Amino acid sequence: PVERLYSYNPELLDTPLLLHALRKLQEQGLLDGVGSRTGIYTRYFSLLLQSAATAETQERSVQYLDRLADVSLRLAEAGRFQRHELVKTGFEKELLRVGIDDGIAGLLIDNGVFAPALAGILQETEKRWEYLHPSFQEYFAARKLAGDPDWRKIVRAHCREEKWEDVIKY
């Protein structure tokens, strides 16, 4: 099934990080029945958070994914896509506190540092952060968009914008 996805998503088999994700899922027997890139990412992020979770953070795993989805869609709506950043990739940490944050970042970042469970999804410096792969932002934005009652309106508004192509595909 992964071979079929390659013709539509060549970066799946061309990018070391994504190949690593596929290998991890295969090792756990979690690739069976997956027929889309969305399915691969959903299972991979669940596996990542499960393996990084402690008893304290186990219940937060879904919240982490939901918060990342909120932040990702808000960045997309602001025209900020990591894949299309020309000079500096990633985003200022200040974006999580000013402009985007209305309580969303509280779970993701504490004392200026991201939750350790997010290490397989995000990377950071003192002032900036980014997704380990740009497709992660697109996946999370799509995850949030899929649950938005106004998703049709948002898709119509952005369906001709190249930056939104992968979000809409998810």
C-alpha atoms as a PDB file:
ATOM      1  CA  PRO A   1       0.000   0.000   0.000  1.00  0.00           C
ATOM      2  CA  VAL A   2       2.843   2.457   0.711  1.00  0.00           C
ATOM      3  CA  GLU A   3       4.150   1.973  -2.826  1.00  0.00           C
ATOM      4  CA  ARG A   4       0.798   3.197  -4.195  1.00  0.00           C
ATOM      5  CA  LEU A   5       1.061   6.337  -2.086  1.00  0.00           C
ATOM      6  CA  TYR A   6       4.479   7.134  -3.534  1.00  0.00           C
ATOM      7  CA  SER A   7       3.110   8.329  -6.881  1.00  0.00           C
ATOM      8  CA  TYR A   8       1.019  10.975  -5.079  1.00  0.00           C
ATOM      9  CA  ASN A   9       3.425  11.661  -2.206  1.00  0.00           C
ATOM     10  CA  PRO A  10       7.019  11.025  -3.342  1.00  0.00           C
ATOM     11  CA  GLU A  11       8.505  12.644  -0.248  1.00  0.00           C
ATOM     12  CA  LEU A  12       7.248   9.680   1.817  1.00  0.00           C
ATOM     13  CA  LEU A  13       9.962   7.450   0.389  1.00  0.00           C
ATOM     14  CA  ASP A  14      12.506  10.178  -0.402  1.00  0.00           C
ATOM     15  CA  THR A  15      12.816  11.805   3.024  1.00  0.00           C
ATOM     16  CA  PRO A  16      14.849  10.074   5.757  1.00  0.00           C
ATOM     17  CA  LEU A  17      12.590  11.284   8.592  1.00  0.00           C
ATOM     18  CA  LEU A  18       9.475   9.967   6.846  1.00  0.00           C
ATOM     19  CA  LEU A  19      11.209   6.677   5.985  1.00  0.00           C
ATOM     20  CA  HIS A  20      12.060   6.379   9.682  1.00  0.00           C
ATOM     21  CA  ALA A  21       8.376   6.888  10.527  1.00  0.00           C
ATOM     22  CA  LEU A  22       7.361   4.174   8.064  1.00  0.00           C
ATOM     23  CA  ARG A  23       9.952   1.785   9.504  1.00  0.00           C
ATOM     24  CA  LYS A  24       8.747   2.401  13.068  1.00  0.00           C
ATOM     25  CA  LEU A  25       5.145   1.754  12.051  1.00  0.00           C
ATOM     26  CA  GLN A  26       6.150  -1.416  10.178  1.00  0.00           C
ATOM     27  CA  GLU A  27       8.089  -2.693  13.200  1.00  0.00           C
ATOM     28  CA  GLN A  28       4.990  -2.235  15.367  1.00  0.00           C
ATOM     29  CA  GLY A  29       2.686  -3.822  12.784  1.00  0.00           C
ATOM     30  CA  LEU A  30       0.833  -0.531  12.383  1.00  0.00           C
ATOM     31  CA  LEU A  31       1.124  -0.121   8.608  1.00  0.00           C
ATOM     32  CA  ASP A  32      -1.410  -2.827   7.824  1.00  0.00           C
ATOM     33  CA  GLY A  33      -4.552  -1.348   6.319  1.00  0.00           C
ATOM     34  CA  VAL A  34      -3.171   2.181   6.019  1.00  0.00           C
ATOM     35  CA  GLY A  35      -4.107   3.577   2.635  1.00  0.00           C
ATOM     36  CA  SER A  36      -3.305   7.267   2.951  1.00  0.00           C
ATOM     37  CA  ARG A  37      -0.627   9.662   4.102  1.00  0.00           C
ATOM     38  CA  THR A  38      -3.107  10.923   6.687  1.00  0.00           C
ATOM     39  CA  GLY A  39      -3.409   7.412   8.119  1.00  0.00           C
ATOM     40  CA  ILE A  40       0.366   7.061   8.272  1.00  0.00           C
ATOM     41  CA  TYR A  41       0.796  10.358  10.108  1.00  0.00           C
ATOM     42  CA  THR A  42      -2.100   9.696  12.488  1.00  0.00           C
ATOM     43  CA  ARG A  43      -0.654   6.351  13.531  1.00  0.00           C
ATOM     44  CA  TYR A  44       2.906   7.655  13.688  1.00  0.00           C
ATOM     45  CA  PHE A  45       2.094  10.591  15.956  1.00  0.00           C
ATOM     46  CA  SER A  46       0.035   8.351  18.233  1.00  0.00           C
ATOM     47  CA  LEU A  47       2.951   5.918  18.447  1.00  0.00           C
ATOM     48  CA  LEU A  48       5.408   8.744  19.154  1.00  0.00           C
ATOM     49  CA  LEU A  49       3.338  10.180  21.964  1.00  0.00           C
ATOM     50  CA  GLN A  50       2.598   6.749  23.462  1.00  0.00           C
ATOM     51  CA  SER A  51       6.265   5.835  23.578  1.00  0.00           C
ATOM     52  CA  ALA A  52       7.239   9.204  25.087  1.00  0.00           C
ATOM     53  CA  ALA A  53       4.370   9.305  27.566  1.00  0.00           C
ATOM     54  CA  THR A  54       4.690   8.928  31.263  1.00  0.00           C
ATOM     55  CA  ALA A  55       1.700   8.236  33.480  1.00  0.00           C
ATOM     56  CA  GLU A  56       1.391  11.998  33.926  1.00  0.00           C
ATOM     57  CA  THR A  57       1.463  12.825  30.215  1.00  0.00           C
ATOM     58  CA  GLN A  58      -0.488   9.825  28.856  1.00  0.00           C
ATOM     59  CA  GLU A  59      -3.810  11.615  29.191  1.00  0.00           C
ATOM     60  CA  ARG A  60      -2.329  14.741  27.609  1.00  0.00           C
ATOM     61  CA  SER A  61      -1.343  13.013  24.362  1.00  0.00           C
ATOM     62  CA  VAL A  62      -4.597  13.812  22.583  1.00  0.00           C
ATOM     63  CA  GLN A  63      -4.458  17.352  23.957  1.00  0.00           C
ATOM     64  CA  TYR A  64      -0.945  17.799  22.533  1.00  0.00           C
ATOM     65  CA  LEU A  65      -2.178  16.770  19.086  1.00  0.00           C
ATOM     66  CA  ASP A  66      -5.239  18.999  19.364  1.00  0.00           C
ATOM     67  CA  ARG A  67      -3.149  21.989  20.416  1.00  0.00           C
ATOM     68  CA  LEU A  68      -0.675  21.422  17.585  1.00  0.00           C
ATOM     69  CA  ALA A  69      -3.633  21.289  15.214  1.00  0.00           C
ATOM     70  CA  ASP A  70      -4.934  24.620  16.572  1.00  0.00           C
ATOM     71  CA  VAL A  71      -1.554  26.309  16.212  1.00  0.00           C
ATOM     72  CA  SER A  72      -0.933  24.811  12.758  1.00  0.00           C
ATOM     73  CA  LEU A  73      -4.219  26.000  11.293  1.00  0.00           C
ATOM     74  CA  ARG A  74      -3.838  29.447  12.828  1.00  0.00           C
ATOM     75  CA  LEU A  75      -0.382  29.753  11.288  1.00  0.00           C
ATOM     76  CA  ALA A  76      -1.781  28.616   7.922  1.00  0.00           C
ATOM     77  CA  GLU A  77      -4.605  31.140   8.102  1.00  0.00           C
ATOM     78  CA  ALA A  78      -1.985  33.805   8.798  1.00  0.00           C
ATOM     79  CA  GLY A  79      -0.145  32.703   5.639  1.00  0.00           C
ATOM     80  CA  ARG A  80       2.719  31.142   7.594  1.00  0.00           C
ATOM     81  CA  PHE A  81       3.735  27.765   6.182  1.00  0.00           C
ATOM     82  CA  GLN A  82       7.074  26.289   7.141  1.00  0.00           C
ATOM     83  CA  ARG A  83       7.429  24.670   3.702  1.00  0.00           C
ATOM     84  CA  HIS A  84       7.224  28.093   2.053  1.00  0.00           C
ATOM     85  CA  GLU A  85       9.408  30.126   4.410  1.00  0.00           C
ATOM     86  CA  LEU A  86      12.171  31.540   2.225  1.00  0.00           C
ATOM     87  CA  VAL A  87      14.739  32.885   4.648  1.00  0.00           C
ATOM     88  CA  LYS A  88      14.149  31.688   8.184  1.00  0.00           C
ATOM     89  CA  THR A  89      12.344  28.420   8.524  1.00  0.00           C
ATOM     90  CA  GLY A  90      10.116  27.824  11.472  1.00  0.00           C
ATOM     91  CA  PHE A  91       8.412  30.322  13.699  1.00  0.00           C
ATOM     92  CA  GLU A  92       9.215  32.665  16.529  1.00  0.00           C
ATOM     93  CA  LYS A  93       8.301  31.299  19.939  1.00  0.00           C
ATOM     94  CA  GLU A  94       6.787  34.681  20.608  1.00  0.00           C
ATOM     95  CA  LEU A  95       4.002  33.730  18.167  1.00  0.00           C
ATOM     96  CA  LEU A  96       2.767  31.260  20.747  1.00  0.00           C
ATOM     97  CA  ARG A  97       2.352  34.021  23.289  1.00  0.00           C
ATOM     98  CA  VAL A  98       1.316  36.978  21.150  1.00  0.00           C
ATOM     99  CA  GLY A  99      -1.104  37.002  18.267  1.00  0.00           C
ATOM    100  CA  ILE A 100      -1.843  33.281  18.150  1.00  0.00           C
ATOM    101  CA  ASP A 101      -2.066  32.302  21.766  1.00  0.00           C
ATOM    102  CA  ASP A 102      -5.347  32.444  23.605  1.00  0.00           C
ATOM    103  CA  GLY A 103      -4.443  29.659  25.970  1.00  0.00           C
ATOM    104  CA  ILE A 104      -3.408  27.200  23.255  1.00  0.00           C
ATOM    105  CA  ALA A 105       0.300  27.272  23.990  1.00  0.00           C
ATOM    106  CA  GLY A 106      -0.049  26.632  27.708  1.00  0.00           C
ATOM    107  CA  LEU A 107       0.021  22.884  27.268  1.00  0.00           C
ATOM    108  CA  LEU A 108       2.696  22.835  24.571  1.00  0.00           C
ATOM    109  CA  ILE A 109       5.286  25.136  26.097  1.00  0.00           C
ATOM    110  CA  ASP A 110       6.333  25.636  29.688  1.00  0.00           C
ATOM    111  CA  ASN A 111       9.020  28.085  30.792  1.00  0.00           C
ATOM    112  CA  GLY A 112      10.003  28.640  27.164  1.00  0.00           C
ATOM    113  CA  VAL A 113      10.522  24.943  26.361  1.00  0.00           C
ATOM    114  CA  PHE A 114       8.239  22.504  24.544  1.00  0.00           C
ATOM    115  CA  ALA A 115       6.907  19.432  26.305  1.00  0.00           C
ATOM    116  CA  PRO A 116       9.444  16.576  25.941  1.00  0.00           C
ATOM    117  CA  ALA A 117       6.762  14.342  24.389  1.00  0.00           C
ATOM    118  CA  LEU A 118       6.811  16.614  21.321  1.00  0.00           C
ATOM    119  CA  ALA A 119      10.497  15.987  20.552  1.00  0.00           C
ATOM    120  CA  GLY A 120       9.659  13.714  17.618  1.00  0.00           C
ATOM    121  CA  ILE A 121       7.385  16.344  16.070  1.00  0.00           C
ATOM    122  CA  LEU A 122       9.032  19.705  16.823  1.00  0.00           C
ATOM    123  CA  GLN A 123      12.506  21.095  17.261  1.00  0.00           C
ATOM    124  CA  GLU A 124      13.464  24.358  18.872  1.00  0.00           C
ATOM    125  CA  THR A 125      16.128  26.884  19.599  1.00  0.00           C
ATOM    126  CA  GLU A 126      15.942  29.517  22.286  1.00  0.00           C
ATOM    127  CA  LYS A 127      13.756  31.843  20.186  1.00  0.00           C
ATOM    128  CA  ARG A 128      12.411  29.750  17.279  1.00  0.00           C
ATOM    129  CA  TRP A 129      10.672  26.440  16.712  1.00  0.00           C
ATOM    130  CA  GLU A 130       9.722  24.358  13.734  1.00  0.00           C
ATOM    131  CA  TYR A 131       8.151  21.083  12.756  1.00  0.00           C
ATOM    132  CA  LEU A 132      10.703  18.359  12.067  1.00  0.00           C
ATOM    133  CA  HIS A 133       9.163  18.155   8.599  1.00  0.00           C
ATOM    134  CA  PRO A 134       6.954  20.778   6.891  1.00  0.00           C
ATOM    135  CA  SER A 135       4.305  18.168   6.125  1.00  0.00           C
ATOM    136  CA  PHE A 136       3.686  17.858   9.867  1.00  0.00           C
ATOM    137  CA  GLN A 137       2.274  21.402   9.938  1.00  0.00           C
ATOM    138  CA  GLU A 138       0.117  20.628   6.910  1.00  0.00           C
ATOM    139  CA  TYR A 139      -1.199  17.446   8.531  1.00  0.00           C
ATOM    140  CA  PHE A 140      -2.045  19.172  11.808  1.00  0.00           C
ATOM    141  CA  ALA A 141      -3.680  22.128  10.045  1.00  0.00           C
ATOM    142  CA  ALA A 142      -5.809  19.673   8.056  1.00  0.00           C
ATOM    143  CA  ARG A 143      -6.708  17.803  11.224  1.00  0.00           C
ATOM    144  CA  LYS A 144      -8.076  21.001  12.738  1.00  0.00           C
ATOM    145  CA  LEU A 145      -9.738  22.050   9.497  1.00  0.00           C
ATOM    146  CA  ALA A 146     -11.562  18.703   9.217  1.00  0.00           C
ATOM    147  CA  GLY A 147     -13.256  19.367  12.551  1.00  0.00           C
ATOM    148  CA  ASP A 148     -14.162  22.965  11.768  1.00  0.00           C
ATOM    149  CA  PRO A 149     -17.852  23.459  10.942  1.00  0.00           C
ATOM    150  CA  ASP A 150     -16.809  26.192   8.470  1.00  0.00           C
ATOM    151  CA  TRP A 151     -14.266  23.998   6.658  1.00  0.00           C
ATOM    152  CA  ARG A 152     -15.979  24.418   3.279  1.00  0.00           C
ATOM    153  CA  LYS A 153     -15.742  28.195   3.543  1.00  0.00           C
ATOM    154  CA  ILE A 154     -12.037  28.007   4.464  1.00  0.00           C
ATOM    155  CA  VAL A 155     -11.275  25.564   1.635  1.00  0.00           C
ATOM    156  CA  ARG A 156     -13.118  27.734  -0.891  1.00  0.00           C
ATOM    157  CA  ALA A 157     -11.152  30.771   0.263  1.00  0.00           C
ATOM    158  CA  HIS A 158      -7.785  29.007  -0.166  1.00  0.00           C
ATOM    159  CA  CYS A 159      -8.340  26.300  -2.798  1.00  0.00           C
ATOM    160  CA  ARG A 160      -6.328  28.135  -5.453  1.00  0.00           C
ATOM    161  CA  GLU A 161      -3.392  28.949  -3.185  1.00  0.00           C
ATOM    162  CA  GLU A 162      -0.372  26.697  -3.664  1.00  0.00           C
ATOM    163  CA  LYS A 163       0.543  26.937   0.021  1.00  0.00           C
ATOM    164  CA  TRP A 164      -2.767  25.306   0.968  1.00  0.00           C
ATOM    165  CA  GLU A 165      -2.536  22.428  -1.515  1.00  0.00           C
ATOM    166  CA  ASP A 166      -1.225  19.806   0.911  1.00  0.00           C
ATOM    167  CA  VAL A 167      -3.504  20.900   3.744  1.00  0.00           C
ATOM    168  CA  ILE A 168      -6.502  20.407   1.471  1.00  0.00           C
ATOM    169  CA  LYS A 169      -5.159  17.061   0.190  1.00  0.00           C
ATOM    170  CA  TYR A 170      -4.989  15.714   3.739  1.00  0.00           C
END
